[in-house]
N, C-alpha and C. Protein backbone atom coordinates (compact mmCIF):
# COMPACT_ATOMS: atom_id res chain seq x y z
N MET A 1 -135.17 5.63 3.02
CA MET A 1 -135.68 5.17 1.88
C MET A 1 -135.23 5.91 0.86
N GLN A 2 -135.52 4.20 0.35
CA GLN A 2 -133.84 4.54 -0.55
C GLN A 2 -134.92 4.89 -2.50
N ILE A 3 -134.84 5.69 -3.04
CA ILE A 3 -135.61 5.89 -4.36
C ILE A 3 -134.58 3.92 -6.00
N THR A 4 -135.28 3.43 -6.03
CA THR A 4 -134.93 1.99 -6.87
C THR A 4 -135.29 2.87 -8.52
N PRO A 5 -135.21 2.04 -9.57
CA PRO A 5 -135.33 1.92 -10.87
C PRO A 5 -136.61 1.51 -10.45
N ALA A 6 -137.35 0.68 -9.82
CA ALA A 6 -138.85 0.03 -10.07
C ALA A 6 -139.68 1.47 -9.11
N ILE A 7 -139.19 2.11 -8.43
CA ILE A 7 -140.05 3.07 -7.56
C ILE A 7 -140.53 4.28 -8.89
N PHE A 8 -139.90 4.12 -9.92
CA PHE A 8 -139.83 5.15 -10.99
C PHE A 8 -140.77 4.60 -11.75
N ILE A 9 -139.98 3.33 -12.71
CA ILE A 9 -141.20 2.38 -13.17
C ILE A 9 -142.89 2.60 -12.02
N VAL A 10 -142.96 1.91 -11.50
CA VAL A 10 -144.18 1.90 -11.07
C VAL A 10 -145.19 3.54 -10.98
N LEU A 11 -144.62 4.59 -10.53
CA LEU A 11 -144.79 5.72 -10.67
C LEU A 11 -145.30 5.90 -12.38
N PHE A 12 -144.43 5.96 -13.44
CA PHE A 12 -144.15 6.16 -14.65
C PHE A 12 -145.67 5.47 -15.13
N VAL A 13 -145.98 4.14 -14.56
CA VAL A 13 -146.85 3.12 -15.75
C VAL A 13 -148.45 3.55 -14.80
N SER A 14 -148.14 4.40 -12.95
CA SER A 14 -149.30 4.37 -12.49
C SER A 14 -150.16 5.42 -12.99
N TYR A 15 -149.02 5.98 -13.94
CA TYR A 15 -148.93 8.23 -14.75
C TYR A 15 -149.92 7.49 -15.90
N LEU A 16 -149.41 6.48 -16.77
CA LEU A 16 -149.90 6.38 -18.28
C LEU A 16 -151.27 5.97 -17.56
N ILE A 17 -151.59 4.98 -17.50
CA ILE A 17 -152.71 4.82 -16.69
C ILE A 17 -153.85 4.94 -15.81
N ILE A 18 -153.56 6.10 -14.74
CA ILE A 18 -154.53 6.79 -14.68
C ILE A 18 -154.72 8.02 -15.98
N SER A 19 -153.94 8.06 -16.38
CA SER A 19 -154.05 8.91 -17.45
C SER A 19 -155.26 8.77 -18.30
N PHE A 20 -154.86 7.32 -18.75
CA PHE A 20 -155.49 6.70 -19.83
C PHE A 20 -157.15 6.85 -19.24
N PHE A 21 -157.55 6.59 -18.03
CA PHE A 21 -158.91 6.32 -17.85
C PHE A 21 -159.05 7.85 -17.98
N MET A 22 -158.31 9.00 -17.01
CA MET A 22 -158.93 10.07 -17.60
C MET A 22 -159.55 11.14 -18.32
N GLY A 23 -158.85 10.28 -19.51
CA GLY A 23 -159.10 10.72 -21.03
C GLY A 23 -160.16 10.17 -21.31
N MET A 24 -160.62 8.65 -21.03
CA MET A 24 -162.02 8.55 -21.22
C MET A 24 -163.15 8.85 -20.42
N LEU A 25 -162.81 8.83 -19.21
CA LEU A 25 -163.89 9.88 -18.58
C LEU A 25 -164.16 11.29 -19.12
N ILE A 26 -163.43 12.28 -19.82
CA ILE A 26 -163.43 13.16 -20.42
C ILE A 26 -163.75 13.36 -21.86
N HIS A 27 -163.69 12.22 -22.28
CA HIS A 27 -163.67 11.55 -24.19
C HIS A 27 -165.32 11.51 -23.86
N SER A 28 -165.94 10.20 -22.44
CA SER A 28 -167.16 9.94 -22.98
C SER A 28 -168.20 11.49 -22.50
N SER A 29 -168.13 12.22 -21.83
CA SER A 29 -168.15 13.64 -21.53
C SER A 29 -168.73 14.56 -22.82
N PHE A 30 -167.50 14.82 -22.73
CA PHE A 30 -167.51 15.28 -24.28
C PHE A 30 -167.63 14.64 -25.52
N VAL A 31 -167.65 13.73 -25.85
CA VAL A 31 -168.60 13.34 -26.90
C VAL A 31 -169.67 12.77 -26.99
N TYR A 32 -170.11 11.84 -25.84
CA TYR A 32 -171.96 11.80 -25.67
C TYR A 32 -172.62 12.97 -25.46
N GLU A 33 -172.59 13.73 -24.05
CA GLU A 33 -172.84 14.89 -23.69
C GLU A 33 -173.09 15.91 -23.93
N THR A 34 -171.69 16.98 -24.18
CA THR A 34 -171.88 18.23 -24.82
C THR A 34 -172.06 18.86 -26.45
N LYS A 35 -170.78 17.45 -26.74
CA LYS A 35 -170.95 17.52 -28.45
C LYS A 35 -171.51 16.07 -29.47
N ARG A 36 -172.96 16.51 -29.26
CA ARG A 36 -173.79 15.59 -29.83
C ARG A 36 -173.46 15.52 -31.20
N ASN A 37 -172.73 16.71 -31.69
CA ASN A 37 -172.54 16.21 -33.21
C ASN A 37 -171.23 15.82 -34.14
N LEU A 38 -170.63 15.28 -32.60
CA LEU A 38 -169.06 14.78 -33.19
C LEU A 38 -169.10 13.21 -32.87
N ASP A 39 -168.82 13.33 -33.70
CA ASP A 39 -168.67 11.67 -34.13
C ASP A 39 -167.75 10.69 -33.19
N LYS A 40 -168.61 9.39 -32.99
CA LYS A 40 -167.71 9.25 -31.70
C LYS A 40 -166.99 8.31 -32.13
N ASN A 41 -166.19 8.15 -32.78
CA ASN A 41 -164.44 7.93 -33.22
C ASN A 41 -163.82 8.95 -34.10
N SER A 42 -164.22 9.95 -34.19
CA SER A 42 -163.07 11.31 -34.35
C SER A 42 -161.66 11.04 -33.57
N SER A 43 -160.97 11.26 -33.94
CA SER A 43 -159.30 11.31 -33.99
C SER A 43 -159.43 12.63 -33.24
N LYS A 44 -160.19 13.62 -33.35
CA LYS A 44 -159.33 14.52 -32.76
C LYS A 44 -160.00 15.18 -31.68
N ALA A 45 -161.02 14.42 -31.54
CA ALA A 45 -161.60 14.45 -30.07
C ALA A 45 -160.66 13.87 -29.26
N TRP A 46 -160.85 12.31 -29.69
CA TRP A 46 -159.89 11.32 -28.56
C TRP A 46 -158.80 12.48 -29.11
N MET A 47 -157.78 12.71 -29.11
CA MET A 47 -156.67 13.22 -29.16
C MET A 47 -157.08 14.34 -28.08
N LEU A 48 -157.14 15.49 -28.37
CA LEU A 48 -158.30 16.60 -27.63
C LEU A 48 -158.32 15.75 -25.41
N CYS A 49 -158.70 14.88 -25.75
CA CYS A 49 -159.27 14.10 -24.34
C CYS A 49 -158.28 13.05 -23.88
N MET A 50 -156.86 12.54 -25.07
CA MET A 50 -155.73 12.50 -24.07
C MET A 50 -155.09 12.86 -24.02
N PHE A 51 -154.98 14.07 -24.93
CA PHE A 51 -154.03 15.50 -23.75
C PHE A 51 -155.33 16.37 -22.65
N ALA A 52 -155.35 16.33 -22.31
CA ALA A 52 -156.66 16.92 -21.61
C ALA A 52 -156.18 15.93 -20.62
N GLY A 53 -156.63 14.57 -20.34
CA GLY A 53 -156.31 13.29 -19.67
C GLY A 53 -154.81 13.68 -18.96
N LEU A 54 -154.29 13.44 -19.72
CA LEU A 54 -151.82 13.61 -19.75
C LEU A 54 -151.92 14.97 -18.26
N GLY A 55 -152.39 16.03 -18.62
CA GLY A 55 -152.96 17.41 -18.12
C GLY A 55 -152.85 17.20 -16.75
N ILE A 56 -154.30 16.96 -17.01
CA ILE A 56 -155.31 17.00 -15.71
C ILE A 56 -154.15 15.67 -14.27
N THR A 57 -154.07 14.63 -14.81
CA THR A 57 -152.96 13.19 -13.71
C THR A 57 -151.83 14.19 -13.79
N ALA A 58 -151.03 14.98 -14.90
CA ALA A 58 -150.00 15.40 -13.87
C ALA A 58 -149.89 16.98 -12.99
N TRP A 59 -151.13 17.88 -12.92
CA TRP A 59 -151.44 18.53 -12.16
C TRP A 59 -151.70 17.56 -10.96
N MET A 60 -152.66 16.38 -10.39
CA MET A 60 -152.55 15.87 -9.97
C MET A 60 -151.08 15.09 -9.41
N PHE A 61 -150.57 15.15 -9.59
CA PHE A 61 -149.57 13.76 -9.80
C PHE A 61 -148.42 15.10 -8.91
N ILE A 62 -147.67 16.57 -9.92
CA ILE A 62 -147.27 17.50 -9.73
C ILE A 62 -147.57 18.06 -7.58
N TYR A 63 -149.42 18.46 -8.32
CA TYR A 63 -150.04 18.99 -6.74
C TYR A 63 -149.26 18.31 -5.43
N GLY A 64 -150.11 16.96 -5.60
CA GLY A 64 -149.55 15.45 -4.42
C GLY A 64 -148.28 15.82 -3.86
N TYR A 65 -147.56 15.51 -5.15
CA TYR A 65 -145.32 15.84 -4.81
C TYR A 65 -145.61 17.00 -3.55
N HIS A 66 -146.09 18.20 -3.98
CA HIS A 66 -146.42 19.65 -3.14
C HIS A 66 -146.55 19.43 -2.19
N ALA A 67 -148.01 18.87 -1.73
CA ALA A 67 -148.54 18.94 -0.95
C ALA A 67 -148.00 17.77 0.49
N ASN A 68 -146.99 16.99 -0.20
CA ASN A 68 -146.55 15.82 0.49
C ASN A 68 -145.55 16.52 0.98
N PHE A 69 -144.54 16.39 0.08
CA PHE A 69 -143.25 16.62 0.36
C PHE A 69 -142.46 18.54 0.66
N VAL A 70 -143.39 19.11 -0.41
CA VAL A 70 -142.40 20.60 -0.08
C VAL A 70 -143.20 21.62 0.55
N TRP A 71 -144.82 21.17 0.85
CA TRP A 71 -145.24 21.98 1.72
C TRP A 71 -145.45 21.81 3.52
N ASN A 72 -144.71 20.44 3.80
CA ASN A 72 -144.72 19.61 4.59
C ASN A 72 -143.41 19.67 5.10
N THR A 73 -143.02 20.15 4.92
CA THR A 73 -141.26 20.69 5.76
C THR A 73 -140.96 20.99 6.52
N GLY A 74 -141.51 21.23 6.83
CA GLY A 74 -141.50 21.77 8.84
C GLY A 74 -140.47 23.19 9.38
N SER A 75 -140.67 23.32 7.81
CA SER A 75 -139.06 24.77 8.18
C SER A 75 -139.61 26.08 8.23
C-alpha cells in the first residue's frame, strides 16, 4: 500500500469534521442541559467544547491506530 499525500489530506479533513461535530454534541449537552445559566452564545463554552471535541477525536484516532496496526502485529 502506498501512502500518498491524498491519504493524509483525507485523514486530516475527516479529523477536523469529526472533531467539529463531536464539539457540537458536547456544546449542546454542556450549554443546554448541564449549565442552564450559561449563555447559549458564550465563546468560553464554545472554545471549551471545541477543544474537548479535538481531544476526544484525537483519542479515537490514536486508539484506532494502535488497535489496528500496533497491537495486531502478530509478534
